[in-house]
Amino acid sequence: MQQELTPKQQSVELIKQANHILLVTGKQANNDQLGAMVALDLILKRAGKQVSSIITGEIPKLGKVVDTNSISRDLTGIRDFIIRLDTSQVDVDKLRYELNDNNLEVIVSPYAGNFSSSDASFDYGEYKFDLVIVLGVSQIAKIDTILEQNPTIFDGIHLINIDFHRSNEQYGSVNFIEPNASSVCEMLVGIIESVAQGMIDYHVATALLGGIMSATQGFTGPNTTAKAMTIAAQMISGGAKQQEIVQALFNNSRSEQSSTQADKQESGKKDIIKKEESKQTETIAEKLAKQGKEFTKEGIKDALEHEVLEDEVVKFEHNSLDESQDEQPQEDGDEQSVKKFKNPQMDELYQVTSEEDTLAAASEASKKK
């Protein structure tokens, strides 16, 4: 009894039997899907297959490292353009074509009768591919927009669904799904070795490594497996451009993270400075208020009894004068600091106290006379 083939083995057999293969990904292709497409496109062409690779959306970051020239943006070239002539009234003698500048001229020589413009019509032929491979797409609705634009494009054709998402809808005629794989690129290595053994060069290695590194977030994600690390090491040994991949995929995001951390540190420093300044700028009035005292024109009063504390005025005045002498500015910077913390209420108090002392001294002198 013949043993049933696994999905991977079925995929390999269908690839070997196909002549023209269409490769597609999702509506918004990611780096893993792009890496898988570029690698498989190169390998299949080396195996003698005709390949059409299509991404209609934006090319992801890995496109800065891998060659995307073979990727088409639409279905152009995948099917024939047909010119039809109605020959019911004309006998054709000869048919030829000529290329003049950028014009293709189809020349029909009639044997009897002649053609008019109404005899000519135009159409498209059937799509040329006989196998479709969808890379890393879990649902039909997420396949590239070419399916929405051409709903019957896959009808009657084998479709291989290669993916690692557990949520995959199993929509292919063959579904090669490995939920424990880190990426589509990791899964493709086995297929590539079965289809075209020994053909992985540095171009293919770079594409596969880029997909694995992106899917595993630079080997830091929870989906990083021992197999992914082993395959990555093999790709690097095969000449994969590891540093260029790192530069394309991760450098910008790391720079942004560093910038954000630096901004947070700077903001924290500013908050600390503001708190220190708020402590230093506590006024004399605020200090006295904490002691249950307040400024008035008559002097310093008890906040509750409203009694003028004359001895406190004199004491405070002398202490303030001593401190101002000790803190006499030596440089412009010190002078600015003194001015910054100067209390206008204290100036008024000095003035009132000075006037009272002057009147008291004059009265004392007149009594002595």
Protein backbone atom coordinates (compact mmCIF):
# COMPACT_ATOMS: atom_id res chain seq x y z
CA MET A 1 0.00 0.00 0.00
CA GLN A 2 1.39 3.35 -1.05
CA GLN A 3 1.99 5.75 1.82
CA GLU A 4 0.15 9.09 1.62
CA LEU A 5 2.36 12.08 0.92
CA THR A 6 2.75 14.81 3.55
CA PRO A 7 1.73 18.40 2.64
CA LYS A 8 5.39 19.26 2.23
CA GLN A 9 5.95 16.32 -0.15
CA GLN A 10 2.79 17.18 -2.09
CA SER A 11 4.04 20.76 -2.46
CA VAL A 12 7.37 19.59 -3.82
CA GLU A 13 5.68 17.27 -6.35
CA LEU A 14 3.32 19.98 -7.62
CA ILE A 15 6.25 22.40 -8.02
CA LYS A 16 8.23 19.83 -9.99
CA GLN A 17 5.28 19.17 -12.33
CA ALA A 18 4.41 22.84 -12.95
CA ASN A 19 5.66 24.93 -15.86
CA HIS A 20 4.58 28.46 -14.90
CA ILE A 21 4.21 29.30 -11.20
CA LEU A 22 2.53 32.39 -9.70
CA LEU A 23 3.83 33.60 -6.31
CA VAL A 24 1.64 35.90 -4.19
CA THR A 25 1.59 37.19 -0.60
CA GLY A 26 -0.77 39.36 1.47
CA LYS A 27 -2.34 42.74 0.79
CA GLN A 28 0.30 44.37 2.97
CA ALA A 29 3.37 42.21 2.45
CA ASN A 30 5.77 41.95 5.40
CA ASN A 31 9.51 41.27 5.37
CA ASP A 32 9.10 37.53 5.93
CA GLN A 33 6.73 37.24 2.95
CA LEU A 34 9.02 39.34 0.74
CA GLY A 35 12.10 37.31 1.71
CA ALA A 36 10.25 34.07 0.96
CA MET A 37 9.04 35.36 -2.43
CA VAL A 38 12.47 36.58 -3.55
CA ALA A 39 14.20 33.36 -2.45
CA LEU A 40 11.62 31.04 -4.05
CA ASP A 41 11.52 33.11 -7.26
CA LEU A 42 15.30 32.74 -7.67
CA ILE A 43 15.32 29.01 -6.90
CA LEU A 44 12.40 28.12 -9.19
CA LYS A 45 13.94 29.98 -12.12
CA ARG A 46 17.21 28.12 -11.58
CA ALA A 47 15.20 24.90 -11.65
CA GLY A 48 13.94 25.83 -15.12
CA LYS A 49 10.49 27.10 -14.16
CA GLN A 50 8.69 30.19 -15.46
CA VAL A 51 7.82 32.34 -12.45
CA SER A 52 5.58 35.37 -11.97
CA SER A 53 5.91 37.10 -8.57
CA ILE A 54 3.44 39.86 -7.70
CA ILE A 55 3.15 42.39 -4.86
CA THR A 56 0.66 45.15 -5.66
CA GLY A 57 1.11 46.92 -2.32
CA GLU A 58 4.11 48.67 -0.78
CA ILE A 59 7.45 46.84 -0.76
CA PRO A 60 8.59 46.38 2.88
CA LYS A 61 11.97 47.39 4.35
CA LEU A 62 13.80 44.21 3.35
CA GLY A 63 13.49 45.44 -0.24
CA LYS A 64 16.45 47.72 0.50
CA VAL A 65 18.68 44.65 0.77
CA VAL A 66 17.24 42.04 -1.62
CA ASP A 67 16.73 42.39 -5.37
CA THR A 68 13.04 43.07 -6.10
CA ASN A 69 13.39 43.71 -9.86
CA SER A 70 11.72 40.39 -10.65
CA ILE A 71 8.59 41.34 -8.68
CA SER A 72 5.71 42.73 -10.75
CA ARG A 73 3.19 45.28 -9.49
CA ASP A 74 0.27 43.85 -11.50
CA LEU A 75 -0.75 40.94 -13.74
CA THR A 76 0.76 42.45 -16.88
CA GLY A 77 2.61 39.81 -18.91
CA ILE A 78 0.99 36.86 -17.19
CA ARG A 79 -1.46 36.32 -20.05
CA ASP A 80 -1.45 36.89 -23.81
CA PHE A 81 -2.83 39.96 -25.58
CA ILE A 82 -4.91 38.77 -28.54
CA ILE A 83 -5.71 40.67 -31.77
CA ARG A 84 -8.70 39.20 -33.63
CA LEU A 85 -9.65 39.80 -37.29
CA ASP A 86 -12.98 38.80 -38.78
CA THR A 87 -12.11 36.89 -42.00
CA SER A 88 -15.65 36.01 -43.07
CA GLN A 89 -15.46 38.45 -46.00
CA VAL A 90 -11.70 38.23 -46.70
CA ASP A 91 -9.31 35.51 -47.86
CA VAL A 92 -5.92 35.88 -46.16
CA ASP A 93 -2.76 35.38 -48.20
CA LYS A 94 0.10 36.36 -45.87
CA LEU A 95 0.67 37.44 -42.24
CA ARG A 96 3.79 39.07 -40.81
CA TYR A 97 4.86 41.68 -38.22
CA GLU A 98 7.46 44.44 -38.07
CA LEU A 99 8.97 46.49 -35.23
CA ASN A 100 9.31 50.20 -36.11
CA ASP A 101 10.68 52.29 -33.24
CA ASN A 102 8.37 51.39 -30.34
CA ASN A 103 5.53 50.19 -32.55
CA LEU A 104 4.60 46.60 -33.36
CA GLU A 105 2.90 46.47 -36.75
CA VAL A 106 0.92 43.35 -37.65
CA ILE A 107 0.61 43.17 -41.43
CA VAL A 108 -2.09 41.05 -43.06
CA SER A 109 -2.03 40.66 -46.86
CA PRO A 110 -5.45 39.62 -48.22
CA TYR A 111 -5.79 37.32 -51.23
CA ALA A 112 -9.28 38.58 -51.98
CA GLY A 113 -11.33 41.36 -50.40
CA ASN A 114 -10.07 43.75 -47.73
CA PHE A 115 -10.32 44.49 -43.98
CA SER A 116 -11.97 47.44 -42.27
CA SER A 117 -11.36 48.71 -38.71
CA SER A 118 -14.61 47.11 -37.59
CA ASP A 119 -13.16 43.68 -38.42
CA ALA A 120 -10.51 44.05 -35.67
CA SER A 121 -11.05 43.35 -31.95
CA PHE A 122 -8.83 42.83 -28.92
CA ASP A 123 -8.88 40.48 -25.95
CA TYR A 124 -6.75 38.71 -23.34
CA GLY A 125 -5.96 35.02 -23.28
CA GLU A 126 -5.97 32.63 -20.35
CA TYR A 127 -3.49 33.16 -17.56
CA LYS A 128 -0.25 31.34 -18.29
CA PHE A 129 0.43 29.91 -14.83
CA ASP A 130 -0.58 26.39 -13.87
CA LEU A 131 0.28 26.58 -10.16
CA VAL A 132 -0.23 29.24 -7.47
CA ILE A 133 1.82 29.46 -4.25
CA VAL A 134 0.54 31.76 -1.51
CA LEU A 135 3.19 32.69 1.06
CA GLY A 136 2.36 33.47 4.70
CA VAL A 137 -1.33 34.44 4.35
CA SER A 138 -3.76 32.91 6.86
CA GLN A 139 -7.05 33.92 5.16
CA ILE A 140 -8.30 34.19 1.59
CA ALA A 141 -9.58 37.70 2.32
CA LYS A 142 -6.00 38.80 3.11
CA ILE A 143 -4.45 37.62 -0.18
CA ASP A 144 -3.06 40.34 -2.46
CA THR A 145 -5.68 42.58 -4.13
CA ILE A 146 -5.16 40.82 -7.48
CA LEU A 147 -7.69 38.25 -6.20
CA GLU A 148 -10.31 40.95 -5.53
CA GLN A 149 -9.70 42.44 -8.96
CA ASN A 150 -9.81 39.01 -10.66
CA PRO A 151 -12.06 36.73 -8.54
CA THR A 152 -11.73 33.73 -10.87
CA ILE A 153 -7.96 33.94 -11.32
CA PHE A 154 -7.27 30.80 -9.25
CA ASP A 155 -10.17 28.72 -10.57
CA GLY A 156 -9.21 25.24 -11.79
CA ILE A 157 -5.56 25.66 -10.68
CA HIS A 158 -3.70 23.96 -7.85
CA LEU A 159 -2.96 26.36 -4.99
CA ILE A 160 -0.28 25.64 -2.38
CA ASN A 161 -0.89 27.44 0.92
CA ILE A 162 2.40 27.79 2.87
CA ASP A 163 2.02 29.39 6.30
CA PHE A 164 2.92 29.13 10.00
CA HIS A 165 -0.15 30.82 11.56
CA ARG A 166 -2.34 28.56 13.71
CA SER A 167 -5.40 30.50 12.51
CA ASN A 168 -4.85 29.52 8.86
CA GLU A 169 -8.12 28.73 7.06
CA GLN A 170 -6.66 25.80 5.08
CA TYR A 171 -7.96 27.28 1.80
CA GLY A 172 -5.45 25.64 -0.56
CA SER A 173 -5.63 22.41 -2.52
CA VAL A 174 -2.45 21.66 -0.56
CA ASN A 175 -1.99 23.26 2.88
CA PHE A 176 1.57 23.15 4.19
CA ILE A 177 1.09 24.65 7.66
CA GLU A 178 3.70 24.49 10.47
CA PRO A 179 2.48 26.38 13.58
CA ASN A 180 5.77 25.76 15.39
CA ALA A 181 7.87 27.42 12.68
CA SER A 182 9.21 30.91 13.27
CA SER A 183 8.52 32.13 9.74
CA VAL A 184 7.67 31.23 6.16
CA CYS A 185 11.35 31.62 5.27
CA GLU A 186 12.26 28.93 7.78
CA MET A 187 9.67 26.59 6.22
CA LEU A 188 10.90 27.21 2.68
CA VAL A 189 14.41 25.92 3.31
CA GLY A 190 13.23 22.28 3.25
CA ILE A 191 11.22 22.79 0.06
CA ILE A 192 14.11 24.58 -1.66
CA GLU A 193 16.52 21.75 -0.84
CA SER A 194 14.03 19.23 -2.25
CA VAL A 195 13.39 21.15 -5.47
CA ALA A 196 16.88 22.42 -6.23
CA GLN A 197 19.48 21.05 -3.86
CA GLY A 198 22.70 23.01 -3.47
CA MET A 199 21.42 26.17 -5.22
CA ILE A 200 21.26 28.48 -2.21
CA ASP A 201 23.75 31.28 -2.89
CA TYR A 202 24.22 34.54 -0.99
CA HIS A 203 21.25 36.17 -2.76
CA VAL A 204 18.87 33.44 -1.60
CA ALA A 205 20.56 33.24 1.82
CA THR A 206 20.14 36.99 2.37
CA ALA A 207 16.44 36.85 1.50
CA LEU A 208 15.79 33.90 3.83
CA LEU A 209 17.86 35.32 6.71
CA GLY A 210 16.12 38.68 6.39
CA GLY A 211 12.70 37.04 6.65
CA ILE A 212 13.68 34.98 9.71
CA MET A 213 15.29 37.95 11.48
CA SER A 214 12.25 40.14 10.87
CA ALA A 215 9.75 37.49 12.00
CA THR A 216 11.71 36.81 15.21
CA GLN A 217 12.45 40.50 15.88
CA GLY A 218 16.17 39.93 15.57
CA PHE A 219 15.99 36.57 17.43
CA THR A 220 14.44 38.22 20.51
CA GLY A 221 10.80 37.20 19.98
CA PRO A 222 9.10 34.23 21.70
CA ASN A 223 8.83 32.44 18.33
CA THR A 224 12.64 32.18 18.07
CA THR A 225 13.38 28.46 17.90
CA ALA A 226 16.53 26.38 17.83
CA LYS A 227 15.73 25.46 14.24
CA ALA A 228 15.42 29.14 13.28
CA MET A 229 18.82 29.85 14.84
CA THR A 230 20.38 26.86 13.08
CA ILE A 231 19.02 27.88 9.67
CA ALA A 232 20.10 31.49 10.30
CA ALA A 233 23.64 30.29 11.02
CA GLN A 234 23.62 28.29 7.78
CA MET A 235 22.47 31.34 5.81
CA ILE A 236 25.21 33.49 7.33
CA SER A 237 27.75 30.79 6.43
CA GLY A 238 26.31 30.91 2.91
CA GLY A 239 27.16 34.61 2.60
CA ALA A 240 23.95 36.30 3.76
CA LYS A 241 24.36 40.06 4.26
CA GLN A 242 23.59 40.08 7.97
CA GLN A 243 24.77 43.62 8.75
CA GLU A 244 22.86 45.11 5.83
CA ILE A 245 19.74 43.34 7.06
CA VAL A 246 20.22 44.73 10.58
CA GLN A 247 20.75 48.21 9.14
CA ALA A 248 17.58 48.02 7.01
CA LEU A 249 15.25 46.40 9.55
CA PHE A 250 16.30 47.54 13.01
CA ASN A 251 18.56 50.61 13.10
CA ASN A 252 15.80 53.21 12.67
CA SER A 253 13.61 51.73 15.40
CA ARG A 254 16.58 51.45 17.79
CA SER A 255 17.55 55.06 17.15
CA GLU A 256 13.97 56.13 17.90
CA GLN A 257 13.98 54.14 21.16
CA SER A 258 17.32 55.69 22.21
CA SER A 259 15.99 59.14 21.41
CA THR A 260 12.85 58.51 23.46
CA GLN A 261 14.88 57.29 26.46
CA ALA A 262 17.17 60.34 26.23
CA ASP A 263 14.12 62.64 26.15
CA LYS A 264 12.69 60.95 29.24
CA GLN A 265 15.99 61.31 31.11
CA GLU A 266 16.26 64.98 30.16
CA SER A 267 12.66 65.58 31.23
CA GLY A 268 13.39 63.91 34.57
CA LYS A 269 16.42 66.14 35.15
CA LYS A 270 14.35 69.25 34.43
CA ASP A 271 11.69 68.15 36.94
CA ILE A 272 14.34 67.67 39.64
CA ILE A 273 15.82 71.12 38.91
CA LYS A 274 12.36 72.72 39.11
CA LYS A 275 11.70 71.07 42.48
CA GLU A 276 15.04 72.26 43.83
CA GLU A 277 14.38 75.79 42.57
CA SER A 278 10.94 75.81 44.19
CA LYS A 279 12.58 74.89 47.51
CA GLN A 280 15.20 77.63 47.14
CA THR A 281 12.69 80.34 46.17
CA GLU A 282 10.62 80.01 49.37
CA THR A 283 10.15 83.63 50.51
CA ILE A 284 10.90 85.07 53.94
CA ALA A 285 7.18 85.69 54.37
CA GLU A 286 6.50 81.98 53.77
CA LYS A 287 9.17 81.01 56.32
CA LEU A 288 7.64 83.39 58.92
CA ALA A 289 4.13 82.10 58.14
CA LYS A 290 5.29 78.63 59.11
CA GLN A 291 6.30 80.11 62.50
CA GLY A 292 2.85 81.71 63.00
CA LYS A 293 4.06 85.22 62.11
CA GLU A 294 3.21 87.71 59.38
CA PHE A 295 4.51 90.90 57.74
CA THR A 296 2.72 94.23 58.32
CA LYS A 297 3.65 97.88 57.96
CA GLU A 298 4.06 98.07 61.76
CA GLY A 299 6.51 95.19 61.76
CA ILE A 300 6.30 91.44 62.33
CA LYS A 301 3.07 90.44 64.10
CA ASP A 302 1.88 87.32 65.75
CA ALA A 303 -0.58 85.80 63.27
CA LEU A 304 -3.09 84.90 66.03
CA GLU A 305 -2.66 87.66 68.65
CA HIS A 306 -1.88 90.42 66.06
CA GLU A 307 0.66 91.75 68.57
CA VAL A 308 3.70 93.52 67.14
CA LEU A 309 6.83 91.58 68.04
CA GLU A 310 9.32 94.49 68.29
CA ASP A 311 12.19 92.34 69.52
CA GLU A 312 11.60 90.00 66.62
CA VAL A 313 11.86 92.95 64.20
CA VAL A 314 15.18 94.07 65.61
CA LYS A 315 16.52 90.54 65.79
CA PHE A 316 15.37 89.74 62.30
CA GLU A 317 16.85 92.98 60.96
CA HIS A 318 20.27 92.38 62.47
CA ASN A 319 20.36 88.75 61.30
CA SER A 320 19.38 89.79 57.79
CA LEU A 321 22.08 92.47 57.69
CA ASP A 322 24.71 89.98 58.87
CA GLU A 323 23.63 87.44 56.23
CA SER A 324 23.71 90.06 53.47
CA GLN A 325 27.27 91.00 54.43
CA ASP A 326 28.35 87.35 54.45
CA GLU A 327 26.76 86.83 51.04
CA GLN A 328 28.22 89.95 49.40
CA PRO A 329 28.50 88.98 45.69
CA GLN A 330 32.00 88.58 44.29
CA GLU A 331 30.98 88.01 40.66
CA ASP A 332 28.14 88.99 38.40
CA GLY A 333 26.60 85.53 38.70
CA ASP A 334 26.39 85.82 42.55
CA GLU A 335 24.84 89.28 42.30
CA GLN A 336 22.11 87.92 40.07
CA SER A 337 21.41 85.13 42.58
CA VAL A 338 20.98 87.66 45.42
CA LYS A 339 18.61 89.73 43.30
CA LYS A 340 16.63 86.65 42.37
CA PHE A 341 15.79 85.78 45.99
CA LYS A 342 15.39 89.39 47.25
CA ASN A 343 12.05 89.97 49.05
CA PRO A 344 10.33 93.33 48.36
CA GLN A 345 8.36 93.04 51.59
CA MET A 346 11.62 92.89 53.52
CA ASP A 347 12.80 96.10 51.83
CA GLU A 348 9.64 97.84 53.01
CA LEU A 349 10.21 96.51 56.53
CA TYR A 350 13.80 97.81 56.54
CA GLN A 351 12.53 101.23 55.50
CA VAL A 352 9.83 101.38 58.22
CA THR A 353 12.21 100.18 60.94
CA SER A 354 14.90 102.65 59.85
CA GLU A 355 12.47 105.58 60.02
CA GLU A 356 11.29 104.58 63.51
CA ASP A 357 14.90 104.29 64.76
CA THR A 358 15.71 107.73 63.37
CA LEU A 359 12.72 109.39 65.11
CA ALA A 360 13.52 107.59 68.38
CA ALA A 361 17.14 108.77 68.26
CA ALA A 362 16.10 112.40 67.61
CA SER A 363 13.62 112.32 70.51
CA GLU A 364 16.28 110.96 72.87
CA ALA A 365 18.72 113.68 71.84
CA SER A 366 16.20 116.47 72.50
CA LYS A 367 15.47 115.12 75.98
CA LYS A 368 19.19 115.18 76.85
CA LYS A 369 19.40 118.82 75.83
